[in-house]
């Protein structure tokens, strides 16, 4: 009976916290979805209680297991049924579009004008005239689409087609040669040792980091 009571009260508290987080608004959770936010603060609190509970430690332990299980279930359900995400996590809110600020949407997002201005400045927009659309995402972040005449110039705008850059592969880390990465690139330690000496080093131990691009151009960095 005690175990069932702990399970039921844990589920009830999860629902209560989820509803409370919804009421508080997206800006309170900052980079987490609602249930992750609820699970994080609750599991942390229960874990603290578990550390000091000497008489019946199994109760908070069961509560942690319930919260962990519910969190996994929510993750599976929302991945299988995407339509439920908007009811659990909420939906993005347009705060500004085409030079018009939406006061009602700011109120809905629990965000005042000064906070909105701060978030714009943090993203590098000090003049609202440079913004075409501003969207307050469900995870508490602001995303901005700049006006067409204010966005950064890209090669397509001037009919350029630059070669696509590729990621580099680490071949030396903290003085240690990564043989598997070398083999994956079709290289070997003999080639690497020649490259190391050609750049003025004696051996790999003198190198903090070495990376190689798809064209076999090796860049070496010594640690201070």
N, C-alpha and C. Protein backbone atom coordinates (compact mmCIF):
# COMPACT_ATOMS: atom_id res chain seq x y z
N UNK A 1 0.84 -1.21 0.00
CA UNK A 1 0.00 0.00 0.00
C UNK A 1 0.88 1.26 0.00
N UNK A 2 1.95 1.23 0.82
CA UNK A 2 2.85 2.38 0.86
C UNK A 2 3.50 2.63 -0.49
N UNK A 3 3.89 1.54 -1.18
CA UNK A 3 4.54 1.68 -2.49
C UNK A 3 3.57 2.31 -3.48
N UNK A 4 2.32 1.86 -3.50
CA UNK A 4 1.31 2.41 -4.40
C UNK A 4 1.07 3.88 -4.10
N UNK A 5 1.06 4.24 -2.84
CA UNK A 5 0.85 5.63 -2.44
C UNK A 5 1.98 6.53 -2.95
N UNK A 6 3.21 6.02 -2.83
CA UNK A 6 4.37 6.79 -3.31
C UNK A 6 4.30 7.00 -4.82
N UNK A 7 3.91 5.94 -5.53
CA UNK A 7 3.80 6.03 -6.98
C UNK A 7 2.74 7.04 -7.39
N UNK A 8 1.58 6.98 -6.74
CA UNK A 8 0.47 7.88 -7.08
C UNK A 8 0.80 9.33 -6.76
N UNK A 9 1.43 9.57 -5.61
CA UNK A 9 1.78 10.94 -5.24
C UNK A 9 2.88 11.48 -6.16
N UNK A 10 3.77 10.62 -6.61
CA UNK A 10 4.82 11.04 -7.54
C UNK A 10 4.21 11.46 -8.87
N UNK A 11 3.26 10.65 -9.36
CA UNK A 11 2.59 10.99 -10.61
C UNK A 11 1.80 12.29 -10.47
N UNK A 12 1.14 12.46 -9.34
CA UNK A 12 0.37 13.68 -9.10
C UNK A 12 1.27 14.90 -9.08
N UNK A 13 2.42 14.78 -8.43
CA UNK A 13 3.34 15.92 -8.37
C UNK A 13 3.92 16.23 -9.74
N UNK A 14 4.13 15.19 -10.58
CA UNK A 14 4.64 15.41 -11.93
C UNK A 14 3.64 16.22 -12.75
N UNK A 15 2.37 15.85 -12.64
CA UNK A 15 1.32 16.58 -13.37
C UNK A 15 1.22 18.01 -12.86
N UNK A 16 1.27 18.17 -11.54
CA UNK A 16 1.15 19.51 -10.95
C UNK A 16 2.31 20.41 -11.39
N UNK A 17 3.52 19.86 -11.40
CA UNK A 17 4.67 20.65 -11.83
C UNK A 17 4.61 20.99 -13.31
N UNK A 18 4.13 20.05 -14.11
CA UNK A 18 4.01 20.30 -15.55
C UNK A 18 3.04 21.44 -15.82
N UNK A 19 1.92 21.43 -15.12
CA UNK A 19 0.92 22.50 -15.28
C UNK A 19 1.48 23.83 -14.80
N UNK A 20 2.20 23.80 -13.68
CA UNK A 20 2.80 25.03 -13.15
C UNK A 20 3.82 25.61 -14.12
N UNK A 21 4.66 24.73 -14.71
CA UNK A 21 5.65 25.20 -15.68
C UNK A 21 4.97 25.81 -16.90
N UNK A 22 3.85 25.24 -17.31
CA UNK A 22 3.08 25.79 -18.43
C UNK A 22 2.60 27.20 -18.10
N UNK A 23 2.09 27.36 -16.90
CA UNK A 23 1.57 28.67 -16.49
C UNK A 23 2.69 29.70 -16.40
N UNK A 24 3.87 29.28 -15.93
CA UNK A 24 4.99 30.19 -15.79
C UNK A 24 5.51 30.69 -17.12
N UNK A 25 5.40 29.89 -18.16
CA UNK A 25 5.81 30.32 -19.48
C UNK A 25 7.16 29.77 -19.90
N UNK A 26 7.45 29.88 -21.21
CA UNK A 26 8.66 29.29 -21.79
C UNK A 26 9.94 29.92 -21.27
N UNK A 27 9.94 31.19 -20.95
CA UNK A 27 11.20 31.84 -20.58
C UNK A 27 11.77 31.27 -19.29
N UNK A 28 10.94 30.62 -18.48
CA UNK A 28 11.41 30.06 -17.22
C UNK A 28 12.25 28.81 -17.43
N UNK A 29 12.03 28.09 -18.54
CA UNK A 29 12.70 26.80 -18.69
C UNK A 29 14.00 26.92 -19.45
N UNK A 30 14.14 27.89 -20.33
CA UNK A 30 15.39 28.20 -21.04
C UNK A 30 16.16 26.98 -21.54
N UNK A 31 15.94 26.61 -22.77
CA UNK A 31 16.65 25.57 -23.51
C UNK A 31 16.20 24.14 -23.18
N UNK A 32 15.22 23.96 -22.34
CA UNK A 32 14.68 22.62 -22.08
C UNK A 32 13.22 22.61 -22.49
N UNK A 33 12.71 21.42 -22.84
CA UNK A 33 11.26 21.37 -23.03
C UNK A 33 10.62 21.23 -21.66
N UNK A 34 9.29 21.37 -21.62
CA UNK A 34 8.60 21.46 -20.34
C UNK A 34 8.83 20.24 -19.46
N UNK A 35 8.70 19.05 -20.02
CA UNK A 35 8.80 17.89 -19.15
C UNK A 35 10.23 17.63 -18.71
N UNK A 36 11.20 17.94 -19.56
CA UNK A 36 12.60 17.82 -19.13
C UNK A 36 12.88 18.76 -17.97
N UNK A 37 12.32 19.97 -18.06
CA UNK A 37 12.49 20.96 -16.99
C UNK A 37 11.90 20.44 -15.69
N UNK A 38 10.67 19.95 -15.78
CA UNK A 38 9.99 19.42 -14.59
C UNK A 38 10.75 18.24 -14.01
N UNK A 39 11.18 17.31 -14.87
CA UNK A 39 11.89 16.13 -14.40
C UNK A 39 13.21 16.50 -13.73
N UNK A 40 13.93 17.46 -14.33
CA UNK A 40 15.24 17.83 -13.80
C UNK A 40 15.14 18.40 -12.39
N UNK A 41 14.24 19.38 -12.20
CA UNK A 41 14.16 20.00 -10.88
C UNK A 41 13.58 19.04 -9.84
N UNK A 42 12.67 18.17 -10.27
CA UNK A 42 12.04 17.27 -9.32
C UNK A 42 12.96 16.13 -8.93
N UNK A 43 13.62 15.52 -9.90
CA UNK A 43 14.54 14.43 -9.59
C UNK A 43 15.68 14.93 -8.72
N UNK A 44 16.15 16.17 -9.00
CA UNK A 44 17.20 16.75 -8.16
C UNK A 44 16.75 16.92 -6.73
N UNK A 45 15.52 17.37 -6.57
CA UNK A 45 14.97 17.58 -5.23
C UNK A 45 14.80 16.24 -4.49
N UNK A 46 14.28 15.26 -5.21
CA UNK A 46 14.07 13.95 -4.60
C UNK A 46 15.41 13.31 -4.24
N UNK A 47 16.40 13.48 -5.12
CA UNK A 47 17.73 12.92 -4.85
C UNK A 47 18.33 13.53 -3.59
N UNK A 48 18.10 14.82 -3.38
CA UNK A 48 18.58 15.46 -2.17
C UNK A 48 17.89 14.88 -0.94
N UNK A 49 16.61 14.61 -1.07
CA UNK A 49 15.86 14.00 0.04
C UNK A 49 16.36 12.58 0.31
N UNK A 50 16.68 11.86 -0.79
CA UNK A 50 17.17 10.49 -0.65
C UNK A 50 18.48 10.45 0.13
N UNK A 51 19.31 11.47 -0.08
CA UNK A 51 20.62 11.50 0.57
C UNK A 51 20.51 11.66 2.08
N UNK A 52 19.40 12.21 2.54
CA UNK A 52 19.23 12.45 3.98
C UNK A 52 18.16 11.57 4.62
N UNK A 53 17.49 10.78 3.79
CA UNK A 53 16.43 9.90 4.32
C UNK A 53 17.06 8.61 4.83
N UNK A 54 17.09 8.43 6.13
CA UNK A 54 17.74 7.28 6.73
C UNK A 54 16.76 6.18 7.12
N UNK A 55 15.51 6.55 7.40
CA UNK A 55 14.54 5.56 7.89
C UNK A 55 13.90 4.79 6.73
N UNK A 56 13.43 5.50 5.70
CA UNK A 56 12.75 4.82 4.59
C UNK A 56 13.28 5.35 3.25
N UNK A 57 14.54 5.05 2.92
CA UNK A 57 15.13 5.57 1.68
C UNK A 57 14.48 5.03 0.42
N UNK A 58 13.75 3.91 0.53
CA UNK A 58 13.13 3.33 -0.65
C UNK A 58 12.02 4.20 -1.22
N UNK A 59 11.42 5.06 -0.38
CA UNK A 59 10.33 5.90 -0.88
C UNK A 59 10.82 6.92 -1.91
N UNK A 60 11.82 7.76 -1.60
CA UNK A 60 12.31 8.66 -2.64
C UNK A 60 12.94 7.94 -3.81
N UNK A 61 13.49 6.73 -3.55
CA UNK A 61 14.08 5.95 -4.64
C UNK A 61 13.00 5.54 -5.64
N UNK A 62 11.86 5.12 -5.13
CA UNK A 62 10.74 4.76 -6.01
C UNK A 62 10.26 5.99 -6.77
N UNK A 63 10.21 7.13 -6.08
CA UNK A 63 9.76 8.37 -6.73
C UNK A 63 10.68 8.74 -7.90
N UNK A 64 12.00 8.59 -7.70
CA UNK A 64 12.94 8.87 -8.78
C UNK A 64 12.70 7.93 -9.96
N UNK A 65 12.48 6.66 -9.66
CA UNK A 65 12.22 5.68 -10.73
C UNK A 65 10.94 6.03 -11.48
N UNK A 66 9.92 6.48 -10.76
CA UNK A 66 8.66 6.86 -11.41
C UNK A 66 8.86 8.05 -12.34
N UNK A 67 9.56 9.07 -11.85
CA UNK A 67 9.81 10.26 -12.69
C UNK A 67 10.65 9.90 -13.91
N UNK A 68 11.67 9.07 -13.70
CA UNK A 68 12.49 8.64 -14.83
C UNK A 68 11.69 7.87 -15.85
N UNK A 69 10.82 6.97 -15.36
CA UNK A 69 9.98 6.17 -16.26
C UNK A 69 8.98 7.03 -17.02
N UNK A 70 8.36 7.97 -16.31
CA UNK A 70 7.39 8.86 -16.96
C UNK A 70 8.08 9.72 -18.02
N UNK A 71 9.29 10.19 -17.72
CA UNK A 71 10.03 11.01 -18.68
C UNK A 71 10.33 10.24 -19.95
N UNK A 72 10.75 8.98 -19.79
CA UNK A 72 11.03 8.13 -20.95
C UNK A 72 9.74 7.89 -21.74
N UNK A 73 8.65 7.64 -21.05
CA UNK A 73 7.36 7.41 -21.72
C UNK A 73 6.93 8.64 -22.52
N UNK A 74 7.07 9.82 -21.92
CA UNK A 74 6.72 11.05 -22.63
C UNK A 74 7.56 11.20 -23.89
N UNK A 75 8.85 10.90 -23.79
CA UNK A 75 9.75 11.02 -24.92
C UNK A 75 9.33 10.08 -26.05
N UNK A 76 9.00 8.84 -25.69
CA UNK A 76 8.58 7.86 -26.69
C UNK A 76 7.25 8.26 -27.32
N UNK A 77 6.30 8.68 -26.49
CA UNK A 77 4.97 9.04 -26.99
C UNK A 77 5.05 10.23 -27.94
N UNK A 78 5.81 11.27 -27.56
CA UNK A 78 5.88 12.47 -28.42
C UNK A 78 6.64 12.18 -29.71
N UNK A 79 7.56 11.21 -29.70
CA UNK A 79 8.25 10.85 -30.94
C UNK A 79 7.35 10.04 -31.85
N UNK A 80 6.46 9.24 -31.25
CA UNK A 80 5.54 8.43 -32.05
C UNK A 80 4.33 9.25 -32.51
N UNK A 81 3.90 10.18 -31.66
CA UNK A 81 2.73 10.99 -31.97
C UNK A 81 3.13 12.48 -31.90
N UNK A 82 3.73 13.00 -32.96
CA UNK A 82 4.22 14.40 -32.94
C UNK A 82 3.14 15.42 -32.62
N UNK A 83 1.89 15.09 -32.90
CA UNK A 83 0.80 16.03 -32.65
C UNK A 83 0.67 16.37 -31.17
N UNK A 84 1.13 15.47 -30.31
CA UNK A 84 1.02 15.71 -28.87
C UNK A 84 2.05 16.72 -28.36
N UNK A 85 3.09 16.96 -29.16
CA UNK A 85 4.17 17.84 -28.69
C UNK A 85 3.67 19.24 -28.37
N UNK A 86 2.75 19.74 -29.20
CA UNK A 86 2.28 21.10 -28.97
C UNK A 86 1.49 21.22 -27.68
N UNK A 87 0.90 20.13 -27.22
CA UNK A 87 0.14 20.17 -25.97
C UNK A 87 1.07 20.05 -24.76
N UNK A 88 2.21 19.39 -24.95
CA UNK A 88 3.15 19.19 -23.85
C UNK A 88 4.19 20.31 -23.82
N UNK A 89 4.81 20.58 -24.96
CA UNK A 89 5.89 21.57 -25.01
C UNK A 89 5.42 22.96 -25.41
N UNK A 90 4.25 23.04 -26.02
CA UNK A 90 3.78 24.32 -26.52
C UNK A 90 4.22 24.52 -27.97
N UNK A 91 3.95 25.68 -28.53
CA UNK A 91 4.29 25.98 -29.91
C UNK A 91 5.03 27.31 -29.99
N UNK A 92 5.81 27.51 -31.06
CA UNK A 92 6.49 28.80 -31.24
C UNK A 92 5.49 29.94 -31.33
N UNK A 93 5.89 31.12 -30.87
CA UNK A 93 5.02 32.29 -30.87
C UNK A 93 5.69 33.43 -31.63
N UNK A 94 5.01 34.00 -32.61
CA UNK A 94 5.54 35.12 -33.38
C UNK A 94 5.37 36.40 -32.56
N UNK A 95 6.49 37.02 -32.23
CA UNK A 95 6.45 38.25 -31.44
C UNK A 95 6.51 39.50 -32.32
N UNK A 96 7.12 39.35 -33.48
CA UNK A 96 7.25 40.50 -34.38
C UNK A 96 7.29 40.01 -35.81
N UNK A 97 6.59 40.72 -36.70
CA UNK A 97 6.61 40.34 -38.10
C UNK A 97 6.34 41.57 -38.97
N UNK A 98 7.21 41.76 -39.96
CA UNK A 98 7.04 42.84 -40.93
C UNK A 98 6.90 44.21 -40.25
N UNK A 99 7.73 44.43 -39.24
CA UNK A 99 7.73 45.72 -38.56
C UNK A 99 6.65 45.91 -37.52
N UNK A 100 5.88 44.87 -37.24
CA UNK A 100 4.77 44.99 -36.28
C UNK A 100 5.03 44.10 -35.07
N UNK A 101 4.95 44.69 -33.88
CA UNK A 101 5.08 43.94 -32.63
C UNK A 101 3.70 43.46 -32.18
N UNK A 102 3.66 42.19 -31.73
CA UNK A 102 2.39 41.61 -31.29
C UNK A 102 2.35 41.58 -29.77
N UNK A 103 1.69 42.58 -29.21
CA UNK A 103 1.62 42.71 -27.75
C UNK A 103 0.92 41.52 -27.13
N UNK A 104 -0.15 41.03 -27.77
CA UNK A 104 -0.91 39.91 -27.21
C UNK A 104 -0.06 38.64 -27.15
N UNK A 105 0.78 38.44 -28.17
CA UNK A 105 1.65 37.26 -28.18
C UNK A 105 2.75 37.37 -27.13
N UNK A 106 3.23 38.59 -26.89
CA UNK A 106 4.23 38.78 -25.83
C UNK A 106 3.62 38.46 -24.47
N UNK A 107 2.39 38.89 -24.30
CA UNK A 107 1.69 38.61 -23.04
C UNK A 107 1.49 37.11 -22.89
N UNK A 108 1.15 36.44 -23.98
CA UNK A 108 0.95 35.00 -23.96
C UNK A 108 2.26 34.28 -23.61
N UNK A 109 3.38 34.81 -24.09
CA UNK A 109 4.69 34.19 -23.84
C UNK A 109 5.28 34.59 -22.50
N UNK A 110 4.54 35.41 -21.72
CA UNK A 110 5.02 35.90 -20.41
C UNK A 110 6.33 36.68 -20.58
N UNK A 111 6.40 37.49 -21.63
CA UNK A 111 7.60 38.23 -21.97
C UNK A 111 7.26 39.70 -22.12
N UNK A 112 7.98 40.56 -21.40
CA UNK A 112 7.70 41.99 -21.56
C UNK A 112 8.64 42.59 -22.61
N UNK A 113 8.37 43.85 -22.98
CA UNK A 113 9.10 44.49 -24.07
C UNK A 113 10.59 44.63 -23.78
N UNK A 114 10.93 44.96 -22.54
CA UNK A 114 12.35 45.13 -22.19
C UNK A 114 13.11 43.81 -22.32
N UNK A 115 12.49 42.71 -21.91
CA UNK A 115 13.13 41.41 -22.05
C UNK A 115 13.31 41.05 -23.52
N UNK A 116 12.31 41.37 -24.34
CA UNK A 116 12.40 41.13 -25.77
C UNK A 116 13.57 41.91 -26.37
N UNK A 117 13.73 43.17 -25.96
CA UNK A 117 14.81 44.01 -26.47
C UNK A 117 16.18 43.44 -26.07
N UNK A 118 16.27 42.94 -24.84
CA UNK A 118 17.53 42.34 -24.39
C UNK A 118 17.88 41.13 -25.23
N UNK A 119 16.90 40.27 -25.50
CA UNK A 119 17.13 39.07 -26.28
C UNK A 119 17.55 39.43 -27.71
N UNK A 120 16.97 40.48 -28.26
CA UNK A 120 17.36 40.93 -29.60
C UNK A 120 18.81 41.39 -29.60
N UNK A 121 19.19 42.17 -28.59
CA UNK A 121 20.56 42.67 -28.53
C UNK A 121 21.56 41.53 -28.35
N UNK A 122 21.17 40.51 -27.59
CA UNK A 122 22.05 39.37 -27.39
C UNK A 122 22.33 38.64 -28.70
N UNK A 123 21.39 38.74 -29.63
CA UNK A 123 21.56 38.12 -30.94
C UNK A 123 22.18 39.07 -31.96
N UNK A 124 22.54 40.28 -31.49
CA UNK A 124 23.21 41.22 -32.36
C UNK A 124 22.31 42.20 -33.08
N UNK A 125 21.06 42.28 -32.68
CA UNK A 125 20.11 43.19 -33.33
C UNK A 125 19.77 44.34 -32.36
N UNK A 126 20.40 45.48 -32.59
CA UNK A 126 20.18 46.65 -31.74
C UNK A 126 19.12 47.58 -32.32
N UNK A 127 18.77 47.35 -33.57
CA UNK A 127 17.74 48.15 -34.25
C UNK A 127 16.63 47.21 -34.72
N UNK A 128 15.42 47.43 -34.21
CA UNK A 128 14.31 46.55 -34.57
C UNK A 128 13.95 46.64 -36.04
N UNK A 129 14.37 47.72 -36.70
CA UNK A 129 14.10 47.84 -38.13
C UNK A 129 14.89 46.84 -38.96
N UNK A 130 15.90 46.23 -38.34
CA UNK A 130 16.69 45.21 -39.03
C UNK A 130 16.04 43.84 -38.99
N UNK A 131 14.92 43.73 -38.26
CA UNK A 131 14.27 42.43 -38.05
C UNK A 131 13.00 42.30 -38.90
N UNK A 132 12.93 41.21 -39.64
CA UNK A 132 11.71 40.91 -40.39
C UNK A 132 10.73 40.14 -39.51
N UNK A 133 11.23 39.06 -38.90
CA UNK A 133 10.37 38.22 -38.05
C UNK A 133 11.14 37.77 -36.82
N UNK A 134 10.50 37.83 -35.67
CA UNK A 134 11.08 37.33 -34.42
C UNK A 134 10.13 36.29 -33.83
N UNK A 135 10.67 35.12 -33.54
CA UNK A 135 9.85 34.01 -33.05
C UNK A 135 10.38 33.55 -31.70
N UNK A 136 9.49 33.44 -30.73
CA UNK A 136 9.84 32.93 -29.41
C UNK A 136 9.56 31.43 -29.41
N UNK A 137 10.65 30.63 -29.37
CA UNK A 137 10.51 29.19 -29.49
C UNK A 137 10.01 28.57 -28.19
N UNK A 138 9.56 27.32 -28.28
CA UNK A 138 8.99 26.66 -27.10
C UNK A 138 10.03 26.37 -26.03
N UNK A 139 11.33 26.41 -26.40
CA UNK A 139 12.37 26.15 -25.41
C UNK A 139 12.91 27.42 -24.76
N UNK A 140 12.23 28.55 -24.99
CA UNK A 140 12.62 29.80 -24.34
C UNK A 140 13.64 30.62 -25.10
N UNK A 141 14.01 30.22 -26.30
CA UNK A 141 14.98 30.96 -27.09
C UNK A 141 14.28 31.81 -28.14
N UNK A 142 14.91 32.91 -28.50
CA UNK A 142 14.39 33.80 -29.54
C UNK A 142 15.16 33.55 -30.83
N UNK A 143 14.44 33.34 -31.93
CA UNK A 143 15.08 33.21 -33.23
C UNK A 143 14.59 34.35 -34.11
N UNK A 144 15.51 34.85 -34.95
CA UNK A 144 15.21 36.05 -35.73
C UNK A 144 15.54 35.84 -37.20
N UNK A 145 14.61 36.26 -38.05
CA UNK A 145 14.84 36.33 -39.49
C UNK A 145 15.10 37.79 -39.82
N UNK A 146 16.33 38.13 -40.24
CA UNK A 146 16.64 39.54 -40.51
C UNK A 146 15.96 40.03 -41.80
N UNK A 147 15.82 41.33 -41.91
CA UNK A 147 15.31 41.92 -43.14
C UNK A 147 16.27 41.57 -44.28
N UNK A 148 15.74 41.44 -45.49
CA UNK A 148 16.55 40.98 -46.61
C UNK A 148 17.75 41.88 -46.88
N UNK A 149 17.61 43.18 -46.61
CA UNK A 149 18.73 44.10 -46.86
C UNK A 149 19.70 44.18 -45.68
N UNK A 150 19.42 43.43 -44.61
CA UNK A 150 20.29 43.44 -43.44
C UNK A 150 20.95 42.09 -43.17
N UNK A 151 20.55 41.07 -43.90
CA UNK A 151 21.14 39.76 -43.66
C UNK A 151 22.55 39.71 -44.26
N UNK A 152 23.41 38.83 -43.74
CA UNK A 152 24.78 38.74 -44.26
C UNK A 152 24.81 38.32 -45.72
N UNK A 153 25.76 38.85 -46.45
CA UNK A 153 25.94 38.50 -47.85
C UNK A 153 26.45 37.07 -47.95
N UNK A 154 25.90 36.28 -48.88
CA UNK A 154 26.40 34.93 -49.09
C UNK A 154 26.83 34.77 -50.54
N UNK A 155 27.65 33.77 -50.84
CA UNK A 155 28.20 33.62 -52.19
C UNK A 155 27.16 33.56 -53.30
N UNK A 156 25.99 32.97 -53.01
CA UNK A 156 24.97 32.86 -54.04
C UNK A 156 24.46 34.23 -54.48
N UNK A 157 24.53 35.21 -53.59
CA UNK A 157 24.07 36.56 -53.95
C UNK A 157 24.91 37.19 -55.05
N UNK A 158 26.17 36.78 -55.16
CA UNK A 158 27.04 37.35 -56.19
C UNK A 158 27.51 36.26 -57.16
N UNK A 159 26.66 35.21 -57.27
CA UNK A 159 26.87 34.15 -58.26
C UNK A 159 28.21 33.43 -58.12
N UNK A 160 28.62 33.21 -56.88
CA UNK A 160 29.83 32.44 -56.62
C UNK A 160 29.45 31.04 -56.16
N UNK A 161 30.27 30.06 -56.53
CA UNK A 161 30.04 28.68 -56.09
C UNK A 161 31.32 28.14 -55.46
N UNK A 162 31.57 28.50 -54.21
CA UNK A 162 32.80 28.05 -53.54
C UNK A 162 32.77 26.55 -53.29
N UNK A 163 33.96 25.99 -53.19
CA UNK A 163 34.08 24.56 -52.90
C UNK A 163 33.57 24.27 -51.49
N UNK A 164 32.79 23.21 -51.39
CA UNK A 164 32.24 22.84 -50.09
C UNK A 164 33.35 22.40 -49.13
N UNK A 165 33.39 23.04 -47.97
CA UNK A 165 34.37 22.65 -46.97
C UNK A 165 33.94 21.35 -46.29
N UNK A 166 34.92 20.57 -45.87
CA UNK A 166 34.66 19.32 -45.18
C UNK A 166 35.27 19.38 -43.78
N UNK A 167 34.75 18.57 -42.90
CA UNK A 167 35.27 18.57 -41.53
C UNK A 167 36.65 17.93 -41.50
N UNK A 168 37.46 18.38 -40.55
CA UNK A 168 38.80 17.83 -40.37
C UNK A 168 38.75 16.67 -39.38
N UNK A 169 39.74 15.82 -39.48
CA UNK A 169 39.82 14.65 -38.61
C UNK A 169 41.02 14.78 -37.68
N UNK A 170 40.82 14.50 -36.41
CA UNK A 170 41.92 14.55 -35.45
C UNK A 170 42.83 13.34 -35.66
N UNK A 171 44.11 13.58 -35.83
CA UNK A 171 45.07 12.48 -35.99
C UNK A 171 46.07 12.44 -34.84
N UNK A 172 46.18 13.56 -34.11
CA UNK A 172 47.02 13.60 -32.91
C UNK A 172 46.26 14.34 -31.82
N UNK A 173 46.19 13.76 -30.66
CA UNK A 173 45.57 14.43 -29.53
C UNK A 173 46.43 14.24 -28.30
N UNK A 174 46.86 15.37 -27.72
CA UNK A 174 47.67 15.36 -26.50
C UNK A 174 48.91 14.48 -26.66
N UNK A 175 49.57 14.62 -27.81
CA UNK A 175 50.80 13.89 -28.05
C UNK A 175 50.64 12.44 -28.46
N UNK A 176 49.40 12.00 -28.65
CA UNK A 176 49.15 10.58 -28.99
C UNK A 176 48.58 10.47 -30.39
N UNK A 177 49.17 9.61 -31.20
CA UNK A 177 48.71 9.40 -32.58
C UNK A 177 47.46 8.54 -32.57
N UNK A 178 46.44 8.98 -33.29
CA UNK A 178 45.19 8.23 -33.39
C UNK A 178 45.23 7.37 -34.64
N UNK A 179 45.70 6.15 -34.49
CA UNK A 179 45.92 5.26 -35.62
C UNK A 179 44.65 4.96 -36.41
N UNK A 180 43.54 4.76 -35.70
CA UNK A 180 42.28 4.43 -36.39
C UNK A 180 41.83 5.55 -37.32
N UNK A 181 41.98 6.79 -36.86
CA UNK A 181 41.60 7.92 -37.70
C UNK A 181 42.51 8.03 -38.92
N UNK A 182 43.78 7.75 -38.74
CA UNK A 182 44.71 7.76 -39.88
C UNK A 182 44.32 6.72 -40.91
N UNK A 183 44.03 5.51 -40.46
CA UNK A 183 43.63 4.44 -41.38
C UNK A 183 42.35 4.78 -42.11
N UNK A 184 41.42 5.42 -41.40
CA UNK A 184 40.15 5.79 -42.02
C UNK A 184 40.36 6.76 -43.18
N UNK A 185 41.40 7.58 -43.09
CA UNK A 185 41.70 8.54 -44.14
C UNK A 185 42.64 7.98 -45.20
N UNK A 186 43.02 6.71 -45.03
CA UNK A 186 43.93 6.10 -45.99
C UNK A 186 45.37 6.51 -45.79
N UNK A 187 45.74 6.94 -44.60
CA UNK A 187 47.09 7.39 -44.29
C UNK A 187 47.73 6.45 -43.28
N UNK A 188 49.01 6.66 -43.03
CA UNK A 188 49.70 5.83 -42.05
C UNK A 188 50.67 6.67 -41.23
N UNK A 189 51.30 6.04 -40.25
CA UNK A 189 52.20 6.77 -39.34
C UNK A 189 53.46 7.26 -40.05
N UNK A 190 53.89 6.55 -41.10
CA UNK A 190 55.07 7.00 -41.86
C UNK A 190 54.80 8.34 -42.51
N UNK A 191 53.64 8.47 -43.13
CA UNK A 191 53.26 9.76 -43.75
C UNK A 191 53.17 10.84 -42.68
N UNK A 192 52.57 10.49 -41.55
CA UNK A 192 52.38 11.48 -40.49
C UNK A 192 53.71 11.97 -39.92
N UNK A 193 54.63 11.05 -39.71
CA UNK A 193 55.93 11.43 -39.16
C UNK A 193 56.69 12.36 -40.11
N UNK A 194 56.57 12.13 -41.42
CA UNK A 194 57.21 13.01 -42.40
C UNK A 194 56.61 14.41 -42.33
N UNK A 195 55.29 14.46 -42.19
CA UNK A 195 54.61 15.75 -42.12
C UNK A 195 54.98 16.50 -40.84
N UNK A 196 55.11 15.77 -39.76
CA UNK A 196 55.48 16.38 -38.49
C UNK A 196 56.87 17.03 -38.58
N UNK A 197 57.83 16.29 -39.14
CA UNK A 197 59.19 16.81 -39.28
C UNK A 197 59.25 17.96 -40.26
N UNK A 198 58.41 17.91 -41.31
CA UNK A 198 58.40 18.98 -42.30
C UNK A 198 57.90 20.29 -41.70
N UNK A 199 57.14 20.19 -40.62
CA UNK A 199 56.63 21.41 -39.97
C UNK A 199 57.46 21.82 -38.76
N UNK A 200 58.63 21.21 -38.61
CA UNK A 200 59.57 21.67 -37.60
C UNK A 200 59.49 20.97 -36.26
N UNK A 201 58.73 19.87 -36.17
CA UNK A 201 58.63 19.12 -34.91
C UNK A 201 59.46 17.84 -35.01
N UNK A 202 59.83 17.32 -33.87
CA UNK A 202 60.62 16.09 -33.85
C UNK A 202 59.72 14.85 -33.83
N UNK A 203 58.68 14.89 -33.02
CA UNK A 203 57.77 13.75 -32.94
C UNK A 203 56.40 14.20 -32.45
N UNK A 204 55.47 13.27 -32.41
CA UNK A 204 54.08 13.59 -32.06
C UNK A 204 53.93 14.05 -30.61
N UNK A 205 54.85 13.67 -29.75
CA UNK A 205 54.73 14.04 -28.34
C UNK A 205 54.82 15.55 -28.12
N UNK A 206 55.38 16.27 -29.08
CA UNK A 206 55.50 17.72 -28.96
C UNK A 206 54.22 18.44 -29.39
N UNK A 207 53.27 17.67 -29.88
CA UNK A 207 52.06 18.26 -30.48
C UNK A 207 50.86 18.03 -29.58
N UNK A 208 50.15 19.11 -29.31
CA UNK A 208 48.94 19.02 -28.48
C UNK A 208 47.75 18.54 -29.30
N UNK A 209 47.61 19.07 -30.51
CA UNK A 209 46.51 18.68 -31.39
C UNK A 209 46.97 18.72 -32.85
N UNK A 210 46.61 17.68 -33.59
CA UNK A 210 46.88 17.63 -35.02
C UNK A 210 45.63 17.21 -35.77
N UNK A 211 45.24 18.03 -36.75
CA UNK A 211 44.03 17.72 -37.53
C UNK A 211 44.38 17.70 -39.01
N UNK A 212 43.67 16.87 -39.74
CA UNK A 212 43.94 16.69 -41.17
C UNK A 212 42.65 16.84 -41.95
N UNK A 213 42.68 17.65 -43.04
CA UNK A 213 41.48 17.83 -43.83
C UNK A 213 41.40 16.76 -44.92
N UNK A 214 40.30 16.69 -45.67
CA UNK A 214 40.15 15.64 -46.71
C UNK A 214 41.20 15.71 -47.82
N UNK A 215 41.87 16.88 -47.95
CA UNK A 215 42.93 17.02 -48.96
C UNK A 215 44.30 16.68 -48.39
N UNK A 216 44.30 16.05 -47.21
CA UNK A 216 45.53 15.63 -46.54
C UNK A 216 46.43 16.80 -46.14
N UNK A 217 45.81 17.93 -45.85
CA UNK A 217 46.56 19.06 -45.33
C UNK A 217 46.55 18.96 -43.81
N UNK A 218 47.73 18.86 -43.24
CA UNK A 218 47.87 18.64 -41.80
C UNK A 218 48.13 19.95 -41.09
N UNK A 219 47.35 20.21 -40.03
CA UNK A 219 47.55 21.39 -39.19
C UNK A 219 47.91 20.93 -37.79
N UNK A 220 49.04 21.45 -37.30
CA UNK A 220 49.54 21.04 -35.99
C UNK A 220 49.52 22.19 -35.01
N UNK A 221 49.17 21.89 -33.76
CA UNK A 221 49.10 22.91 -32.71
C UNK A 221 49.85 22.39 -31.50
N UNK A 222 50.82 23.18 -31.05
CA UNK A 222 51.58 22.81 -29.86
C UNK A 222 50.92 23.41 -28.63
N UNK A 223 50.93 22.70 -27.53
CA UNK A 223 50.34 23.20 -26.30
C UNK A 223 51.33 24.05 -25.53
N UNK A 224 50.81 25.06 -24.84
CA UNK A 224 51.64 25.92 -24.02
C UNK A 224 51.68 25.40 -22.58
